[in-house]
Amino acid sequence: MIFTLIMGFVVGVFYPQAQPYVAKGAEQAGLDIKDALLPAATLLLALAAMAVALGLLGVSKAPVLLLLGAAIGVLKDPILARITSR
């Protein structure tokens, strides 16, 4: 279970690096994704890919932990700022 949480965190931290690839793929597929929706679409695709990878590895399927880890990864900067400000 902790592995799923860690993998969700990894997705949350590193999904911005996948945005150019998602934009290029959407353009090649003829999809018009607005710039405001691109980060959300990238995060959803990254989470779906990680869920498939975890399923293939036989890791326990706990989507709540995957999403919790991703949320912590996405919000890591405000969380760290809040913790270190004291």
N, C-alpha and C. Protein backbone atom coordinates (compact mmCIF):
# COMPACT_ATOMS: atom_id res chain seq x y z
N MET A 1 0.81 -1.20 0.00
CA MET A 1 0.00 0.00 0.00
C MET A 1 0.86 1.26 0.00
N ILE A 2 1.95 1.25 0.71
CA ILE A 2 2.79 2.43 0.76
C ILE A 2 3.42 2.69 -0.61
N PHE A 3 3.68 1.61 -1.36
CA PHE A 3 4.24 1.75 -2.70
C PHE A 3 3.28 2.52 -3.60
N THR A 4 1.98 2.23 -3.48
CA THR A 4 0.97 2.94 -4.27
C THR A 4 0.95 4.42 -3.91
N LEU A 5 1.04 4.73 -2.62
CA LEU A 5 1.08 6.12 -2.18
C LEU A 5 2.32 6.83 -2.73
N ILE A 6 3.46 6.17 -2.69
CA ILE A 6 4.70 6.77 -3.19
C ILE A 6 4.62 6.99 -4.71
N MET A 7 4.07 6.03 -5.42
CA MET A 7 3.94 6.19 -6.87
C MET A 7 2.97 7.32 -7.22
N GLY A 8 1.92 7.49 -6.43
CA GLY A 8 1.02 8.63 -6.63
C GLY A 8 1.75 9.95 -6.41
N PHE A 9 2.61 10.00 -5.40
CA PHE A 9 3.41 11.19 -5.13
C PHE A 9 4.34 11.48 -6.31
N VAL A 10 4.95 10.44 -6.85
CA VAL A 10 5.85 10.61 -7.99
C VAL A 10 5.09 11.19 -9.18
N VAL A 11 3.89 10.68 -9.43
CA VAL A 11 3.07 11.21 -10.52
C VAL A 11 2.76 12.68 -10.27
N GLY A 12 2.37 13.01 -9.05
CA GLY A 12 2.03 14.39 -8.73
C GLY A 12 3.18 15.36 -8.87
N VAL A 13 4.37 14.89 -8.58
CA VAL A 13 5.55 15.76 -8.67
C VAL A 13 6.02 15.93 -10.11
N PHE A 14 6.00 14.85 -10.88
CA PHE A 14 6.64 14.88 -12.19
C PHE A 14 5.69 15.01 -13.37
N TYR A 15 4.37 15.13 -13.15
CA TYR A 15 3.47 15.20 -14.30
C TYR A 15 3.68 16.46 -15.15
N PRO A 16 4.15 17.60 -14.61
CA PRO A 16 4.35 18.76 -15.50
C PRO A 16 5.36 18.51 -16.63
N GLN A 17 6.32 17.60 -16.39
CA GLN A 17 7.29 17.31 -17.44
C GLN A 17 6.65 16.58 -18.62
N ALA A 18 5.49 15.99 -18.42
CA ALA A 18 4.81 15.25 -19.49
C ALA A 18 3.90 16.14 -20.33
N GLN A 19 3.67 17.38 -19.91
CA GLN A 19 2.73 18.25 -20.62
C GLN A 19 3.10 18.49 -22.09
N PRO A 20 4.35 18.72 -22.44
CA PRO A 20 4.65 18.91 -23.86
C PRO A 20 4.33 17.67 -24.71
N TYR A 21 4.53 16.49 -24.14
CA TYR A 21 4.25 15.26 -24.87
C TYR A 21 2.74 15.06 -25.04
N VAL A 22 1.97 15.39 -24.01
CA VAL A 22 0.52 15.27 -24.11
C VAL A 22 -0.01 16.28 -25.12
N ALA A 23 0.52 17.49 -25.10
CA ALA A 23 0.07 18.51 -26.05
C ALA A 23 0.39 18.09 -27.49
N LYS A 24 1.59 17.53 -27.69
CA LYS A 24 1.98 17.09 -29.03
C LYS A 24 1.11 15.92 -29.48
N GLY A 25 0.85 14.98 -28.58
CA GLY A 25 0.00 13.84 -28.92
C GLY A 25 -1.43 14.26 -29.22
N ALA A 26 -1.95 15.21 -28.46
CA ALA A 26 -3.30 15.69 -28.71
C ALA A 26 -3.37 16.42 -30.05
N GLU A 27 -2.33 17.17 -30.35
CA GLU A 27 -2.28 17.89 -31.63
C GLU A 27 -2.24 16.91 -32.80
N GLN A 28 -1.44 15.87 -32.67
CA GLN A 28 -1.35 14.87 -33.73
C GLN A 28 -2.65 14.09 -33.89
N ALA A 29 -3.40 13.93 -32.78
CA ALA A 29 -4.68 13.22 -32.83
C ALA A 29 -5.81 14.12 -33.29
N GLY A 30 -5.53 15.40 -33.46
CA GLY A 30 -6.55 16.35 -33.90
C GLY A 30 -7.44 16.84 -32.77
N LEU A 31 -6.99 16.68 -31.54
CA LEU A 31 -7.76 17.16 -30.39
C LEU A 31 -7.32 18.58 -30.04
N ASP A 32 -8.28 19.41 -29.73
CA ASP A 32 -7.97 20.79 -29.35
C ASP A 32 -8.16 20.93 -27.84
N ILE A 33 -7.07 20.75 -27.10
CA ILE A 33 -7.11 20.90 -25.65
C ILE A 33 -6.69 22.32 -25.33
N LYS A 34 -7.55 23.04 -24.65
CA LYS A 34 -7.25 24.42 -24.27
C LYS A 34 -6.07 24.43 -23.29
N ASP A 35 -5.32 25.52 -23.32
CA ASP A 35 -4.14 25.62 -22.45
C ASP A 35 -4.50 25.49 -20.97
N ALA A 36 -5.67 25.98 -20.59
CA ALA A 36 -6.08 25.91 -19.19
C ALA A 36 -6.38 24.47 -18.75
N LEU A 37 -6.77 23.62 -19.70
CA LEU A 37 -7.11 22.24 -19.37
C LEU A 37 -5.94 21.28 -19.53
N LEU A 38 -4.86 21.72 -20.12
CA LEU A 38 -3.73 20.84 -20.38
C LEU A 38 -3.13 20.24 -19.10
N PRO A 39 -2.91 21.01 -18.02
CA PRO A 39 -2.37 20.38 -16.80
C PRO A 39 -3.30 19.30 -16.23
N ALA A 40 -4.59 19.54 -16.23
CA ALA A 40 -5.53 18.55 -15.70
C ALA A 40 -5.55 17.30 -16.58
N ALA A 41 -5.55 17.49 -17.89
CA ALA A 41 -5.54 16.34 -18.80
C ALA A 41 -4.25 15.54 -18.64
N THR A 42 -3.13 16.23 -18.46
CA THR A 42 -1.85 15.54 -18.28
C THR A 42 -1.84 14.75 -16.98
N LEU A 43 -2.35 15.34 -15.90
CA LEU A 43 -2.39 14.64 -14.62
C LEU A 43 -3.28 13.41 -14.71
N LEU A 44 -4.43 13.54 -15.35
CA LEU A 44 -5.33 12.38 -15.49
C LEU A 44 -4.69 11.27 -16.31
N LEU A 45 -4.03 11.62 -17.39
CA LEU A 45 -3.36 10.60 -18.20
C LEU A 45 -2.21 9.95 -17.44
N ALA A 46 -1.46 10.73 -16.68
CA ALA A 46 -0.36 10.17 -15.90
C ALA A 46 -0.88 9.25 -14.81
N LEU A 47 -1.97 9.63 -14.15
CA LEU A 47 -2.56 8.77 -13.12
C LEU A 47 -3.10 7.47 -13.73
N ALA A 48 -3.73 7.59 -14.89
CA ALA A 48 -4.25 6.39 -15.54
C ALA A 48 -3.10 5.45 -15.94
N ALA A 49 -2.02 6.02 -16.47
CA ALA A 49 -0.86 5.20 -16.85
C ALA A 49 -0.25 4.53 -15.62
N MET A 50 -0.16 5.25 -14.51
CA MET A 50 0.40 4.65 -13.30
C MET A 50 -0.51 3.57 -12.76
N ALA A 51 -1.82 3.77 -12.83
CA ALA A 51 -2.75 2.75 -12.36
C ALA A 51 -2.62 1.48 -13.18
N VAL A 52 -2.45 1.62 -14.48
CA VAL A 52 -2.25 0.46 -15.35
C VAL A 52 -0.93 -0.23 -15.00
N ALA A 53 0.13 0.56 -14.81
CA ALA A 53 1.44 -0.02 -14.47
C ALA A 53 1.37 -0.76 -13.14
N LEU A 54 0.72 -0.17 -12.14
CA LEU A 54 0.60 -0.84 -10.85
C LEU A 54 -0.23 -2.11 -10.97
N GLY A 55 -1.26 -2.07 -11.80
CA GLY A 55 -2.06 -3.27 -12.01
C GLY A 55 -1.26 -4.38 -12.67
N LEU A 56 -0.42 -4.03 -13.63
CA LEU A 56 0.42 -5.03 -14.29
C LEU A 56 1.47 -5.60 -13.35
N LEU A 57 1.92 -4.78 -12.40
CA LEU A 57 2.91 -5.25 -11.43
C LEU A 57 2.28 -6.09 -10.33
N GLY A 58 0.96 -6.07 -10.26
CA GLY A 58 0.28 -6.84 -9.23
C GLY A 58 0.23 -6.17 -7.88
N VAL A 59 0.48 -4.88 -7.84
CA VAL A 59 0.42 -4.12 -6.59
C VAL A 59 -1.05 -3.95 -6.22
N SER A 60 -1.32 -3.95 -4.91
CA SER A 60 -2.71 -3.83 -4.47
C SER A 60 -3.35 -2.59 -5.07
N LYS A 61 -4.55 -2.75 -5.52
CA LYS A 61 -5.24 -1.65 -6.18
C LYS A 61 -5.94 -0.80 -5.12
N ALA A 62 -5.35 0.31 -4.79
CA ALA A 62 -5.91 1.24 -3.83
C ALA A 62 -5.93 2.62 -4.48
N PRO A 63 -6.97 2.91 -5.29
CA PRO A 63 -6.98 4.18 -6.01
C PRO A 63 -7.00 5.40 -5.10
N VAL A 64 -7.54 5.24 -3.91
CA VAL A 64 -7.56 6.37 -2.98
C VAL A 64 -6.14 6.75 -2.59
N LEU A 65 -5.30 5.76 -2.35
CA LEU A 65 -3.90 6.05 -2.00
C LEU A 65 -3.15 6.66 -3.18
N LEU A 66 -3.45 6.19 -4.39
CA LEU A 66 -2.81 6.75 -5.57
C LEU A 66 -3.18 8.22 -5.72
N LEU A 67 -4.46 8.53 -5.55
CA LEU A 67 -4.91 9.92 -5.67
C LEU A 67 -4.41 10.78 -4.52
N LEU A 68 -4.37 10.23 -3.31
CA LEU A 68 -3.84 10.98 -2.17
C LEU A 68 -2.37 11.31 -2.38
N GLY A 69 -1.60 10.34 -2.83
CA GLY A 69 -0.20 10.59 -3.11
C GLY A 69 -0.01 11.63 -4.19
N ALA A 70 -0.84 11.58 -5.24
CA ALA A 70 -0.75 12.56 -6.32
C ALA A 70 -1.11 13.95 -5.80
N ALA A 71 -2.13 14.04 -4.96
CA ALA A 71 -2.52 15.34 -4.40
C ALA A 71 -1.39 15.93 -3.56
N ILE A 72 -0.75 15.10 -2.77
CA ILE A 72 0.39 15.58 -1.96
C ILE A 72 1.53 16.01 -2.88
N GLY A 73 1.77 15.27 -3.94
CA GLY A 73 2.82 15.64 -4.88
C GLY A 73 2.55 16.95 -5.59
N VAL A 74 1.30 17.16 -6.01
CA VAL A 74 0.94 18.40 -6.69
C VAL A 74 1.04 19.58 -5.74
N LEU A 75 0.63 19.39 -4.50
CA LEU A 75 0.60 20.49 -3.52
C LEU A 75 1.83 20.52 -2.62
N LYS A 76 2.92 19.88 -3.05
CA LYS A 76 4.09 19.80 -2.18
C LYS A 76 4.68 21.15 -1.80
N ASP A 77 4.70 22.09 -2.74
CA ASP A 77 5.28 23.41 -2.43
C ASP A 77 4.50 24.16 -1.36
N PRO A 78 3.17 24.30 -1.46
CA PRO A 78 2.44 24.96 -0.38
C PRO A 78 2.51 24.21 0.95
N ILE A 79 2.52 22.88 0.88
CA ILE A 79 2.60 22.10 2.12
C ILE A 79 3.94 22.32 2.79
N LEU A 80 5.03 22.26 2.02
CA LEU A 80 6.36 22.49 2.60
C LEU A 80 6.51 23.91 3.13
N ALA A 81 5.94 24.88 2.41
CA ALA A 81 6.01 26.27 2.87
C ALA A 81 5.28 26.43 4.20
N ARG A 82 4.15 25.78 4.33
CA ARG A 82 3.37 25.87 5.57
C ARG A 82 4.11 25.21 6.73
N ILE A 83 4.73 24.06 6.47
CA ILE A 83 5.43 23.34 7.52
C ILE A 83 6.69 24.09 7.96
N THR A 84 7.43 24.64 7.01
CA THR A 84 8.70 25.29 7.36
C THR A 84 8.53 26.73 7.82
N SER A 85 7.34 27.28 7.75
CA SER A 85 7.14 28.67 8.15
C SER A 85 7.04 28.83 9.66
N ARG A 86 6.99 27.76 10.38
CA ARG A 86 6.86 27.85 11.84
C ARG A 86 8.18 27.87 12.52
